[in-house]
PDB file of N, CA and C in Angstrom:
ATOM      1  N   MET A   1     107.842  97.632  70.966  1.00  0.00           N
ATOM      2  CA  MET A   1     106.766  97.802  71.936  1.00  0.00           C
ATOM      3  C   MET A   1     105.428  97.608  71.252  1.00  0.00           C
ATOM      4  N   ASN A   2     104.473  97.064  72.031  1.00  0.00           N
ATOM      5  CA  ASN A   2     103.153  96.924  71.434  1.00  0.00           C
ATOM      6  C   ASN A   2     102.419  98.263  71.506  1.00  0.00           C
ATOM      7  N   ASN A   3     101.318  98.375  70.765  1.00  0.00           N
ATOM      8  CA  ASN A   3     100.614  99.649  70.629  1.00  0.00           C
ATOM      9  C   ASN A   3     100.087 100.192  71.943  1.00  0.00           C
ATOM     10  N   SER A   4      99.535  99.355  72.811  1.00  0.00           N
ATOM     11  CA  SER A   4      98.963  99.851  74.064  1.00  0.00           C
ATOM     12  C   SER A   4     100.050 100.426  74.966  1.00  0.00           C
ATOM     13  N   VAL A   5     101.221  99.815  74.973  1.00  0.00           N
ATOM     14  CA  VAL A   5     102.326 100.337  75.784  1.00  0.00           C
ATOM     15  C   VAL A   5     102.803 101.665  75.203  1.00  0.00           C
ATOM     16  N   GLU A   6     102.918 101.732  73.879  1.00  0.00           N
ATOM     17  CA  GLU A   6     103.339 102.979  73.232  1.00  0.00           C
ATOM     18  C   GLU A   6     102.337 104.094  73.498  1.00  0.00           C
ATOM     19  N   GLN A   7     101.043 103.776  73.423  1.00  0.00           N
ATOM     20  CA  GLN A   7     100.018 104.790  73.668  1.00  0.00           C
ATOM     21  C   GLN A   7     100.063 105.279  75.110  1.00  0.00           C
ATOM     22  N   ALA A   8     100.218 104.368  76.056  1.00  0.00           N
ATOM     23  CA  ALA A   8     100.303 104.756  77.472  1.00  0.00           C
ATOM     24  C   ALA A   8     101.526 105.638  77.695  1.00  0.00           C
ATOM     25  N   PHE A   9     102.626 105.272  77.061  1.00  0.00           N
ATOM     26  CA  PHE A   9     103.858 106.038  77.178  1.00  0.00           C
ATOM     27  C   PHE A   9     103.677 107.450  76.614  1.00  0.00           C
ATOM     28  N   GLU A  10     103.086 107.542  75.440  1.00  0.00           N
ATOM     29  CA  GLU A  10     102.852 108.843  74.804  1.00  0.00           C
ATOM     30  C   GLU A  10     101.900 109.705  75.631  1.00  0.00           C
ATOM     31  N   GLN A  11     100.863 109.093  76.208  1.00  0.00           N
ATOM     32  CA  GLN A  11      99.932 109.847  77.050  1.00  0.00           C
ATOM     33  C   GLN A  11     100.628 110.403  78.279  1.00  0.00           C
ATOM     34  N   ARG A  12     101.451 109.588  78.914  1.00  0.00           N
ATOM     35  CA  ARG A  12     102.194 110.052  80.087  1.00  0.00           C
ATOM     36  C   ARG A  12     103.119 111.215  79.729  1.00  0.00           C
ATOM     37  N   LEU A  13     103.811 111.086  78.615  1.00  0.00           N
ATOM     38  CA  LEU A  13     104.713 112.170  78.191  1.00  0.00           C
ATOM     39  C   LEU A  13     103.926 113.441  77.896  1.00  0.00           C
ATOM     40  N   ALA A  14     102.791 113.319  77.235  1.00  0.00           N
ATOM     41  CA  ALA A  14     101.965 114.489  76.918  1.00  0.00           C
ATOM     42  C   ALA A  14     101.470 115.156  78.196  1.00  0.00           C
ATOM     43  N   GLN A  15     101.047 114.359  79.191  1.00  0.00           N
ATOM     44  CA  GLN A  15     100.606 114.923  80.469  1.00  0.00           C
ATOM     45  C   GLN A  15     101.730 115.689  81.149  1.00  0.00           C
ATOM     46  N   ARG A  16     102.904 115.101  81.164  1.00  0.00           N
ATOM     47  CA  ARG A  16     104.047 115.764  81.813  1.00  0.00           C
ATOM     48  C   ARG A  16     104.431 117.045  81.076  1.00  0.00           C
ATOM     49  N   ASN A  17     104.364 117.024  79.732  1.00  0.00           N
ATOM     50  CA  ASN A  17     104.701 118.223  78.959  1.00  0.00           C
ATOM     51  C   ASN A  17     103.701 119.341  79.220  1.00  0.00           C
ATOM     52  N   ARG A  18     102.413 119.000  79.321  1.00  0.00           N
ATOM     53  CA  ARG A  18     101.390 120.008  79.615  1.00  0.00           C
ATOM     54  C   ARG A  18     101.631 120.627  80.982  1.00  0.00           C
ATOM     55  N   LYS A  19     101.958 119.807  81.981  1.00  0.00           N
ATOM     56  CA  LYS A  19     102.223 120.313  83.333  1.00  0.00           C
ATOM     57  C   LYS A  19     103.456 121.211  83.335  1.00  0.00           C
ATOM     58  N   ALA A  20     104.472 120.831  82.577  1.00  0.00           N
ATOM     59  CA  ALA A  20     105.719 121.607  82.559  1.00  0.00           C
ATOM     60  C   ALA A  20     105.524 122.968  81.901  1.00  0.00           C
ATOM     61  N   LYS A  21     104.658 123.041  80.868  1.00  0.00           N
ATOM     62  CA  LYS A  21     104.464 124.300  80.153  1.00  0.00           C
ATOM     63  C   LYS A  21     103.541 125.247  80.914  1.00  0.00           C
ATOM     64  N   GLY A  22     102.655 124.720  81.754  1.00  0.00           N
ATOM     65  CA  GLY A  22     101.724 125.553  82.512  1.00  0.00           C
ATOM     66  C   GLY A  22     102.411 126.199  83.702  1.00  0.00           C
ATOM     67  N   ALA A  23     101.668 127.012  84.420  1.00  0.00           N
ATOM     68  CA  ALA A  23     102.112 127.664  85.658  1.00  0.00           C
ATOM     69  C   ALA A  23     103.386 128.470  85.463  1.00  0.00           C
ATOM     70  N   GLY A  24     103.486 129.216  84.381  1.00  0.00           N
ATOM     71  CA  GLY A  24     104.626 130.100  84.180  1.00  0.00           C
ATOM     72  C   GLY A  24     105.922 129.397  83.840  1.00  0.00           C
ATOM     73  N   ALA A  25     105.858 128.184  83.349  1.00  0.00           N
ATOM     74  CA  ALA A  25     107.038 127.417  82.926  1.00  0.00           C
ATOM     75  C   ALA A  25     108.103 127.367  84.012  1.00  0.00           C
ATOM     76  N   ILE A  26     107.708 126.985  85.219  1.00  0.00           N
ATOM     77  CA  ILE A  26     108.647 126.854  86.333  1.00  0.00           C
ATOM     78  C   ILE A  26     109.441 125.568  86.147  1.00  0.00           C
ATOM     79  N   THR A  27     110.738 125.659  86.317  1.00  0.00           N
ATOM     80  CA  THR A  27     111.599 124.491  86.203  1.00  0.00           C
ATOM     81  C   THR A  27     111.422 123.629  87.455  1.00  0.00           C
ATOM     82  N   THR A  28     111.154 122.360  87.253  1.00  0.00           N
ATOM     83  CA  THR A  28     110.949 121.452  88.372  1.00  0.00           C
ATOM     84  C   THR A  28     112.280 120.878  88.826  1.00  0.00           C
ATOM     85  N   ILE A  29     112.479 120.871  90.124  1.00  0.00           N
ATOM     86  CA  ILE A  29     113.645 120.201  90.701  1.00  0.00           C
ATOM     87  C   ILE A  29     113.144 118.868  91.220  1.00  0.00           C
ATOM     88  N   TYR A  30     113.696 117.797  90.700  1.00  0.00           N
ATOM     89  CA  TYR A  30     113.218 116.467  91.047  1.00  0.00           C
ATOM     90  C   TYR A  30     113.882 115.960  92.317  1.00  0.00           C
ATOM     91  N   SER A  31     113.065 115.448  93.211  1.00  0.00           N
ATOM     92  CA  SER A  31     113.600 114.822  94.419  1.00  0.00           C
ATOM     93  C   SER A  31     113.966 113.378  94.104  1.00  0.00           C
ATOM     94  N   ARG A  32     114.702 112.764  94.999  1.00  0.00           N
ATOM     95  CA  ARG A  32     115.075 111.360  94.827  1.00  0.00           C
ATOM     96  C   ARG A  32     113.814 110.493  94.739  1.00  0.00           C
ATOM     97  N   LYS A  33     112.828 110.801  95.568  1.00  0.00           N
ATOM     98  CA  LYS A  33     111.586 110.032  95.578  1.00  0.00           C
ATOM     99  C   LYS A  33     110.863 110.148  94.231  1.00  0.00           C
ATOM    100  N   MET A  34     110.857 111.337  93.635  1.00  0.00           N
ATOM    101  CA  MET A  34     110.215 111.535  92.334  1.00  0.00           C
ATOM    102  C   MET A  34     110.936 110.744  91.241  1.00  0.00           C
ATOM    103  N   ILE A  35     112.259 110.735  91.313  1.00  0.00           N
ATOM    104  CA  ILE A  35     113.042 109.996  90.312  1.00  0.00           C
ATOM    105  C   ILE A  35     112.801 108.497  90.466  1.00  0.00           C
ATOM    106  N   GLU A  36     112.772 108.001  91.721  1.00  0.00           N
ATOM    107  CA  GLU A  36     112.497 106.586  91.945  1.00  0.00           C
ATOM    108  C   GLU A  36     111.118 106.213  91.401  1.00  0.00           C
ATOM    109  N   GLN A  37     110.130 107.088  91.641  1.00  0.00           N
ATOM    110  CA  GLN A  37     108.778 106.823  91.146  1.00  0.00           C
ATOM    111  C   GLN A  37     108.754 106.794  89.618  1.00  0.00           C
ATOM    112  N   ALA A  38     109.478 107.728  89.000  1.00  0.00           N
ATOM    113  CA  ALA A  38     109.543 107.767  87.532  1.00  0.00           C
ATOM    114  C   ALA A  38     110.184 106.483  86.984  1.00  0.00           C
ATOM    115  N   LEU A  39     111.229 106.009  87.651  1.00  0.00           N
ATOM    116  CA  LEU A  39     111.879 104.770  87.205  1.00  0.00           C
ATOM    117  C   LEU A  39     110.939 103.574  87.353  1.00  0.00           C
ATOM    118  N   LEU A  40     110.195 103.524  88.451  1.00  0.00           N
ATOM    119  CA  LEU A  40     109.250 102.424  88.640  1.00  0.00           C
ATOM    120  C   LEU A  40     108.149 102.454  87.579  1.00  0.00           C
ATOM    121  N   GLU A  41     107.641 103.650  87.270  1.00  0.00           N
ATOM    122  CA  GLU A  41     106.612 103.767  86.237  1.00  0.00           C
ATOM    123  C   GLU A  41     107.163 103.360  84.868  1.00  0.00           C
ATOM    124  N   THR A  42     108.380 103.773  84.579  1.00  0.00           N
ATOM    125  CA  THR A  42     109.011 103.406  83.308  1.00  0.00           C
ATOM    126  C   THR A  42     109.219 101.908  83.230  1.00  0.00           C
ATOM    127  N   PHE A  43     109.658 101.313  84.336  1.00  0.00           N
ATOM    128  CA  PHE A  43     109.862  99.869  84.402  1.00  0.00           C
ATOM    129  C   PHE A  43     108.570  99.135  84.039  1.00  0.00           C
ATOM    130  N   GLU A  44     107.445  99.579  84.609  1.00  0.00           N
ATOM    131  CA  GLU A  44     106.161  98.953  84.298  1.00  0.00           C
ATOM    132  C   GLU A  44     105.757  99.183  82.844  1.00  0.00           C
ATOM    133  N   LEU A  45     106.002 100.380  82.326  1.00  0.00           N
ATOM    134  CA  LEU A  45     105.629 100.696  80.944  1.00  0.00           C
ATOM    135  C   LEU A  45     106.380  99.848  79.921  1.00  0.00           C
ATOM    136  N   VAL A  46     107.628  99.500  80.211  1.00  0.00           N
ATOM    137  CA  VAL A  46     108.413  98.736  79.239  1.00  0.00           C
ATOM    138  C   VAL A  46     108.317  97.226  79.433  1.00  0.00           C
ATOM    139  N   GLY A  47     107.451  96.762  80.350  1.00  0.00           N
ATOM    140  CA  GLY A  47     107.246  95.316  80.454  1.00  0.00           C
ATOM    141  C   GLY A  47     107.356  94.754  81.854  1.00  0.00           C
ATOM    142  N   GLY A  48     107.879  95.506  82.791  1.00  0.00           N
ATOM    143  CA  GLY A  48     107.906  95.075  84.183  1.00  0.00           C
ATOM    144  C   GLY A  48     108.742  93.842  84.449  1.00  0.00           C
ATOM    145  N   VAL A  49     108.300  93.076  85.427  1.00  0.00           N
ATOM    146  CA  VAL A  49     109.047  91.910  85.900  1.00  0.00           C
ATOM    147  C   VAL A  49     109.186  90.845  84.821  1.00  0.00           C
ATOM    148  N   SER A  50     108.123  90.615  84.044  1.00  0.00           N
ATOM    149  CA  SER A  50     108.207  89.554  83.025  1.00  0.00           C
ATOM    150  C   SER A  50     109.273  89.880  81.977  1.00  0.00           C
ATOM    151  N   ARG A  51     109.351  91.142  81.582  1.00  0.00           N
ATOM    152  CA  ARG A  51     110.372  91.502  80.596  1.00  0.00           C
ATOM    153  C   ARG A  51     111.774  91.431  81.209  1.00  0.00           C
ATOM    154  N   LEU A  52     111.904  91.827  82.478  1.00  0.00           N
ATOM    155  CA  LEU A  52     113.191  91.715  83.165  1.00  0.00           C
ATOM    156  C   LEU A  52     113.624  90.255  83.237  1.00  0.00           C
ATOM    157  N   ALA A  53     112.678  89.362  83.520  1.00  0.00           N
ATOM    158  CA  ALA A  53     112.996  87.937  83.597  1.00  0.00           C
ATOM    159  C   ALA A  53     113.470  87.399  82.252  1.00  0.00           C
ATOM    160  N   VAL A  54     112.816  87.810  81.175  1.00  0.00           N
ATOM    161  CA  VAL A  54     113.234  87.377  79.836  1.00  0.00           C
ATOM    162  C   VAL A  54     114.641  87.894  79.539  1.00  0.00           C
ATOM    163  N   TRP A  55     114.896  89.154  79.878  1.00  0.00           N
ATOM    164  CA  TRP A  55     116.214  89.751  79.652  1.00  0.00           C
ATOM    165  C   TRP A  55     117.276  89.033  80.474  1.00  0.00           C
ATOM    166  N   ALA A  56     116.990  88.785  81.759  1.00  0.00           N
ATOM    167  CA  ALA A  56     117.972  88.152  82.648  1.00  0.00           C
ATOM    168  C   ALA A  56     118.247  86.708  82.257  1.00  0.00           C
ATOM    169  N   ASN A  57     117.291  86.046  81.627  1.00  0.00           N
ATOM    170  CA  ASN A  57     117.457  84.653  81.239  1.00  0.00           C
ATOM    171  C   ASN A  57     118.397  84.486  80.053  1.00  0.00           C
ATOM    172  N   ASP A  58     118.642  85.561  79.326  1.00  0.00           N
ATOM    173  CA  ASP A  58     119.580  85.517  78.198  1.00  0.00           C
ATOM    174  C   ASP A  58     120.998  85.348  78.759  1.00  0.00           C
ATOM    175  N   PRO A  59     121.752  84.331  78.304  1.00  0.00           N
ATOM    176  CA  PRO A  59     123.106  84.104  78.832  1.00  0.00           C
ATOM    177  C   PRO A  59     124.018  85.339  78.725  1.00  0.00           C
ATOM    178  N   ASP A  60     123.803  86.181  77.713  1.00  0.00           N
ATOM    179  CA  ASP A  60     124.624  87.385  77.583  1.00  0.00           C
ATOM    180  C   ASP A  60     124.324  88.404  78.679  1.00  0.00           C
ATOM    181  N   ASN A  61     123.136  88.377  79.239  1.00  0.00           N
ATOM    182  CA  ASN A  61     122.722  89.365  80.232  1.00  0.00           C
ATOM    183  C   ASN A  61     122.743  88.855  81.662  1.00  0.00           C
ATOM    184  N   TYR A  62     122.898  87.560  81.856  1.00  0.00           N
ATOM    185  CA  TYR A  62     122.791  86.994  83.194  1.00  0.00           C
ATOM    186  C   TYR A  62     123.812  87.600  84.159  1.00  0.00           C
ATOM    187  N   GLY A  63     125.036  87.774  83.712  1.00  0.00           N
ATOM    188  CA  GLY A  63     126.072  88.388  84.562  1.00  0.00           C
ATOM    189  C   GLY A  63     125.707  89.818  84.941  1.00  0.00           C
ATOM    190  N   LYS A  64     125.168  90.574  83.979  1.00  0.00           N
ATOM    191  CA  LYS A  64     124.744  91.950  84.252  1.00  0.00           C
ATOM    192  C   LYS A  64     123.607  91.963  85.268  1.00  0.00           C
ATOM    193  N   PHE A  65     122.692  91.000  85.140  1.00  0.00           N
ATOM    194  CA  PHE A  65     121.583  90.895  86.083  1.00  0.00           C
ATOM    195  C   PHE A  65     122.102  90.633  87.497  1.00  0.00           C
ATOM    196  N   LEU A  66     123.059  89.712  87.637  1.00  0.00           N
ATOM    197  CA  LEU A  66     123.617  89.422  88.962  1.00  0.00           C
ATOM    198  C   LEU A  66     124.328  90.636  89.538  1.00  0.00           C
ATOM    199  N   GLU A  67     125.054  91.390  88.717  1.00  0.00           N
ATOM    200  CA  GLU A  67     125.708  92.616  89.195  1.00  0.00           C
ATOM    201  C   GLU A  67     124.670  93.611  89.721  1.00  0.00           C
ATOM    202  N   LEU A  68     123.593  93.772  88.978  1.00  0.00           N
ATOM    203  CA  LEU A  68     122.523  94.675  89.391  1.00  0.00           C
ATOM    204  C   LEU A  68     121.886  94.193  90.694  1.00  0.00           C
ATOM    205  N   LEU A  69     121.648  92.905  90.788  1.00  0.00           N
ATOM    206  CA  LEU A  69     121.056  92.328  91.986  1.00  0.00           C
ATOM    207  C   LEU A  69     121.944  92.562  93.203  1.00  0.00           C
ATOM    208  N   ILE A  70     123.241  92.370  93.043  1.00  0.00           N
ATOM    209  CA  ILE A  70     124.175  92.573  94.149  1.00  0.00           C
ATOM    210  C   ILE A  70     124.198  94.043  94.565  1.00  0.00           C
ATOM    211  N   ARG A  71     124.159  94.952  93.607  1.00  0.00           N
ATOM    212  CA  ARG A  71     124.153  96.389  93.928  1.00  0.00           C
ATOM    213  C   ARG A  71     122.915  96.798  94.705  1.00  0.00           C
ATOM    214  N   LEU A  72     121.782  96.175  94.381  1.00  0.00           N
ATOM    215  CA  LEU A  72     120.519  96.548  95.016  1.00  0.00           C
ATOM    216  C   LEU A  72     120.224  95.770  96.295  1.00  0.00           C
ATOM    217  N   ALA A  73     120.982  94.715  96.554  1.00  0.00           N
ATOM    218  CA  ALA A  73     120.753  93.911  97.757  1.00  0.00           C
ATOM    219  C   ALA A  73     121.101  94.737  98.996  1.00  0.00           C
ATOM    220  N   PRO A  74     120.407  94.479 100.109  1.00  0.00           N
ATOM    221  CA  PRO A  74     120.713  95.216 101.337  1.00  0.00           C
ATOM    222  C   PRO A  74     122.162  95.015 101.754  1.00  0.00           C
ATOM    223  N   LYS A  75     122.759  96.060 102.256  1.00  0.00           N
ATOM    224  CA  LYS A  75     124.152  95.997 102.699  1.00  0.00           C
ATOM    225  C   LYS A  75     124.204  95.535 104.147  1.00  0.00           C
ATOM    226  N   GLY A  76     125.101  94.616 104.438  1.00  0.00           N
ATOM    227  CA  GLY A  76     125.287  94.162 105.811  1.00  0.00           C
ATOM    228  C   GLY A  76     124.195  93.215 106.281  1.00  0.00           C
ATOM    229  N   VAL A  77     124.417  92.692 107.452  1.00  0.00           N
ATOM    230  CA  VAL A  77     123.489  91.758 108.062  1.00  0.00           C
ATOM    231  C   VAL A  77     122.839  92.450 109.251  1.00  0.00           C
ATOM    232  N   PRO A  78     121.539  92.320 109.411  1.00  0.00           N
ATOM    233  CA  PRO A  78     120.923  92.969 110.566  1.00  0.00           C
ATOM    234  C   PRO A  78     121.489  92.408 111.859  1.00  0.00           C
ATOM    235  N   GLU A  79     121.604  93.258 112.842  1.00  0.00           N
ATOM    236  CA  GLU A  79     122.171  92.858 114.124  1.00  0.00           C
ATOM    237  C   GLU A  79     121.182  91.970 114.852  1.00  0.00           C
ATOM    238  N   LEU A  80     121.674  90.837 115.335  1.00  0.00           N
ATOM    239  CA  LEU A  80     120.838  89.910 116.073  1.00  0.00           C
ATOM    240  C   LEU A  80     121.041  90.125 117.565  1.00  0.00           C
ATOM    241  N   PRO A  81     120.010  89.909 118.359  1.00  0.00           N
ATOM    242  CA  PRO A  81     120.183  90.076 119.794  1.00  0.00           C
ATOM    243  C   PRO A  81     121.168  89.040 120.331  1.00  0.00           C
ATOM    244  N   THR A  82     122.032  89.455 121.251  1.00  0.00           N
ATOM    245  CA  THR A  82     123.037  88.544 121.803  1.00  0.00           C
ATOM    246  C   THR A  82     122.637  88.025 123.175  1.00  0.00           C
ATOM    247  N   LYS A  83     121.639  88.635 123.793  1.00  0.00           N
ATOM    248  CA  LYS A  83     121.186  88.193 125.107  1.00  0.00           C
ATOM    249  C   LYS A  83     119.696  87.903 125.053  1.00  0.00           C
ATOM    250  N   GLY A  84     119.240  87.149 126.041  1.00  0.00           N
ATOM    251  CA  GLY A  84     117.821  86.861 126.119  1.00  0.00           C
ATOM    252  C   GLY A  84     117.540  85.443 125.683  1.00  0.00           C
ATOM    253  N   SER A  85     116.282  85.136 125.585  1.00  0.00           N
ATOM    254  CA  SER A  85     115.895  83.794 125.175  1.00  0.00           C
ATOM    255  C   SER A  85     114.818  83.884 124.108  1.00  0.00           C
ATOM    256  N   VAL A  86     114.684  82.805 123.385  1.00  0.00           N
ATOM    257  CA  VAL A  86     113.682  82.720 122.341  1.00  0.00           C
ATOM    258  C   VAL A  86     112.709  81.618 122.728  1.00  0.00           C
ATOM    259  N   THR A  87     111.448  81.921 122.713  1.00  0.00           N
ATOM    260  CA  THR A  87     110.434  80.926 123.017  1.00  0.00           C
ATOM    261  C   THR A  87     109.719  80.577 121.719  1.00  0.00           C
ATOM    262  N   TYR A  88     109.726  79.294 121.411  1.00  0.00           N
ATOM    263  CA  TYR A  88     109.058  78.821 120.204  1.00  0.00           C
ATOM    264  C   TYR A  88     107.704  78.260 120.611  1.00  0.00           C
ATOM    265  N   VAL A  89     106.664  78.769 120.013  1.00  0.00           N
ATOM    266  CA  VAL A  89     105.320  78.284 120.279  1.00  0.00           C
ATOM    267  C   VAL A  89     104.763  77.752 118.966  1.00  0.00           C
ATOM    268  N   SER A  90     104.473  76.472 118.952  1.00  0.00           N
ATOM    269  CA  SER A  90     103.949  75.848 117.743  1.00  0.00           C
ATOM    270  C   SER A  90     102.452  76.088 117.637  1.00  0.00           C
ATOM    271  N   ARG A  91     101.998  76.322 116.423  1.00  0.00           N
ATOM    272  CA  ARG A  91     100.564  76.457 116.184  1.00  0.00           C
ATOM    273  C   ARG A  91      99.946  75.117 115.774  1.00  0.00           C
ATOM    274  N   VAL A  92     100.784  74.085 115.716  1.00  0.00           N
ATOM    275  CA  VAL A  92     100.294  72.751 115.377  1.00  0.00           C
ATOM    276  C   VAL A  92      99.781  72.108 116.663  1.00  0.00           C
ATOM    277  N   PRO A  93      98.549  71.618 116.668  1.00  0.00           N
ATOM    278  CA  PRO A  93      98.012  71.023 117.897  1.00  0.00           C
ATOM    279  C   PRO A  93      98.760  69.752 118.281  1.00  0.00           C
ATOM    280  N   SER A  94      98.772  69.458 119.575  1.00  0.00           N
ATOM    281  CA  SER A  94      99.433  68.248 120.067  1.00  0.00           C
ATOM    282  C   SER A  94      98.711  67.020 119.546  1.00  0.00           C
ATOM    283  N   SER A  95      99.470  65.933 119.406  1.00  0.00           N
ATOM    284  CA  SER A  95      98.907  64.663 118.943  1.00  0.00           C
ATOM    285  C   SER A  95      99.692  63.533 119.595  1.00  0.00           C
ATOM    286  N   PRO A  96      99.262  62.299 119.449  1.00  0.00           N
ATOM    287  CA  PRO A  96     100.029  61.175 120.014  1.00  0.00           C
ATOM    288  C   PRO A  96     101.443  61.082 119.443  1.00  0.00           C
ATOM    289  N   LEU A  97     101.705  61.731 118.330  1.00  0.00           N
ATOM    290  CA  LEU A  97     103.051  61.691 117.753  1.00  0.00           C
ATOM    291  C   LEU A  97     104.024  62.584 118.511  1.00  0.00           C
ATOM    292  N   ASN A  98     103.542  63.426 119.398  1.00  0.00           N
ATOM    293  CA  ASN A  98     104.400  64.340 120.150  1.00  0.00           C
ATOM    294  C   ASN A  98     104.910  63.673 121.432  1.00  0.00           C
ATOM    295  N   ARG A  99     105.496  62.530 121.343  1.00  0.00           N
ATOM    296  CA  ARG A  99     106.010  61.840 122.527  1.00  0.00           C
ATOM    297  C   ARG A  99     107.302  62.494 122.985  1.00  0.00           C
ATOM    298  N   THR A 100     107.444  62.639 124.294  1.00  0.00           N
ATOM    299  CA  THR A 100     108.701  63.167 124.823  1.00  0.00           C
ATOM    300  C   THR A 100     109.682  62.042 125.119  1.00  0.00           C
ATOM    301  N   GLU A 101     109.167  60.832 125.303  1.00  0.00           N
ATOM    302  CA  GLU A 101     110.012  59.671 125.582  1.00  0.00           C
ATOM    303  C   GLU A 101     109.885  58.670 124.439  1.00  0.00           C
ATOM    304  N   PRO A 102     110.987  58.067 124.015  1.00  0.00           N
ATOM    305  CA  PRO A 102     110.868  57.033 122.976  1.00  0.00           C
ATOM    306  C   PRO A 102     110.217  55.784 123.561  1.00  0.00           C
ATOM    307  N   ASN A 103     109.488  55.045 122.745  1.00  0.00           N
ATOM    308  CA  ASN A 103     108.864  53.817 123.238  1.00  0.00           C
ATOM    309  C   ASN A 103     109.755  52.597 122.988  1.00  0.00           C
ATOM    310  N   GLU A 104     110.856  52.755 122.286  1.00  0.00           N
ATOM    311  CA  GLU A 104     111.815  51.682 122.030  1.00  0.00           C
ATOM    312  C   GLU A 104     113.209  52.257 122.094  1.00  0.00           C
ATOM    313  N   THR A 105     114.149  51.425 122.418  1.00  0.00           N
ATOM    314  CA  THR A 105     115.546  51.844 122.379  1.00  0.00           C
ATOM    315  C   THR A 105     116.198  51.105 121.223  1.00  0.00           C
ATOM    316  N   LEU A 106     116.833  51.836 120.353  1.00  0.00           N
ATOM    317  CA  LEU A 106     117.486  51.251 119.196  1.00  0.00           C
ATOM    318  C   LEU A 106     118.981  51.461 119.363  1.00  0.00           C
ATOM    319  N   ILE A 107     119.729  50.376 119.412  1.00  0.00           N
ATOM    320  CA  ILE A 107     121.175  50.466 119.565  1.00  0.00           C
ATOM    321  C   ILE A 107     121.797  50.132 118.221  1.00  0.00           C
ATOM    322  N   ILE A 108     122.684  50.993 117.797  1.00  0.00           N
ATOM    323  CA  ILE A 108     123.296  50.857 116.472  1.00  0.00           C
ATOM    324  C   ILE A 108     124.770  50.525 116.647  1.00  0.00           C
ATOM    325  N   ASP A 109     125.337  49.810 115.693  1.00  0.00           N
ATOM    326  CA  ASP A 109     126.752  49.471 115.638  1.00  0.00           C
ATOM    327  C   ASP A 109     127.189  48.479 116.737  1.00  0.00           C
ATOM    328  N   GLN A 110     126.304  47.623 117.162  1.00  0.00           N
ATOM    329  CA  GLN A 110     126.702  46.550 118.068  1.00  0.00           C
ATOM    330  C   GLN A 110     126.310  45.221 117.415  1.00  0.00           C
ATOM    331  N   PRO A 111     127.153  44.240 117.530  1.00  0.00           N
ATOM    332  CA  PRO A 111     126.795  42.951 116.931  1.00  0.00           C
ATOM    333  C   PRO A 111     125.592  42.344 117.654  1.00  0.00           C
ATOM    334  N   PRO A 112     124.769  41.584 116.944  1.00  0.00           N
ATOM    335  CA  PRO A 112     123.618  40.959 117.583  1.00  0.00           C
ATOM    336  C   PRO A 112     124.057  39.967 118.659  1.00  0.00           C
ATOM    337  N   GLU A 113     123.252  39.868 119.695  1.00  0.00           N
ATOM    338  CA  GLU A 113     123.571  38.909 120.766  1.00  0.00           C
ATOM    339  C   GLU A 113     123.376  37.488 120.259  1.00  0.00           C
ATOM    340  N   GLU A 114     124.284  36.586 120.678  1.00  0.00           N
ATOM    341  CA  GLU A 114     124.184  35.185 120.279  1.00  0.00           C
ATOM    342  C   GLU A 114     123.496  34.402 121.377  1.00  0.00           C
ATOM    343  N   ASN A 115     122.673  33.431 120.984  1.00  0.00           N
ATOM    344  CA  ASN A 115     121.964  32.587 121.976  1.00  0.00           C
ATOM    345  C   ASN A 115     122.714  31.350 122.253  1.00  0.00           C
TER     346      ASN A 115
END
């Protein structure tokens, strides 16, 4: 780790230790949200997304990365409506290219007419 990351890490630990020792040394019960926040902060302290990308790019770790990705991916497919209609409204303005009728008929797979 570089010095600035180590210093930030040490400062965070010192702050947490001071809080834990104060107020009559009450034992903290961590909620799931607190643990998730701690993991996110730790992730950023050790290098964040760029370090994860470097780790995942290593052929030895790529399989582990995919396993982690699959575990964290949303489960199931969201339910889609089965009734009703969908109206598509384009934000692209109309132009002469928006013809509803073709101006030529092109026939494919027929031999050319002989004169």
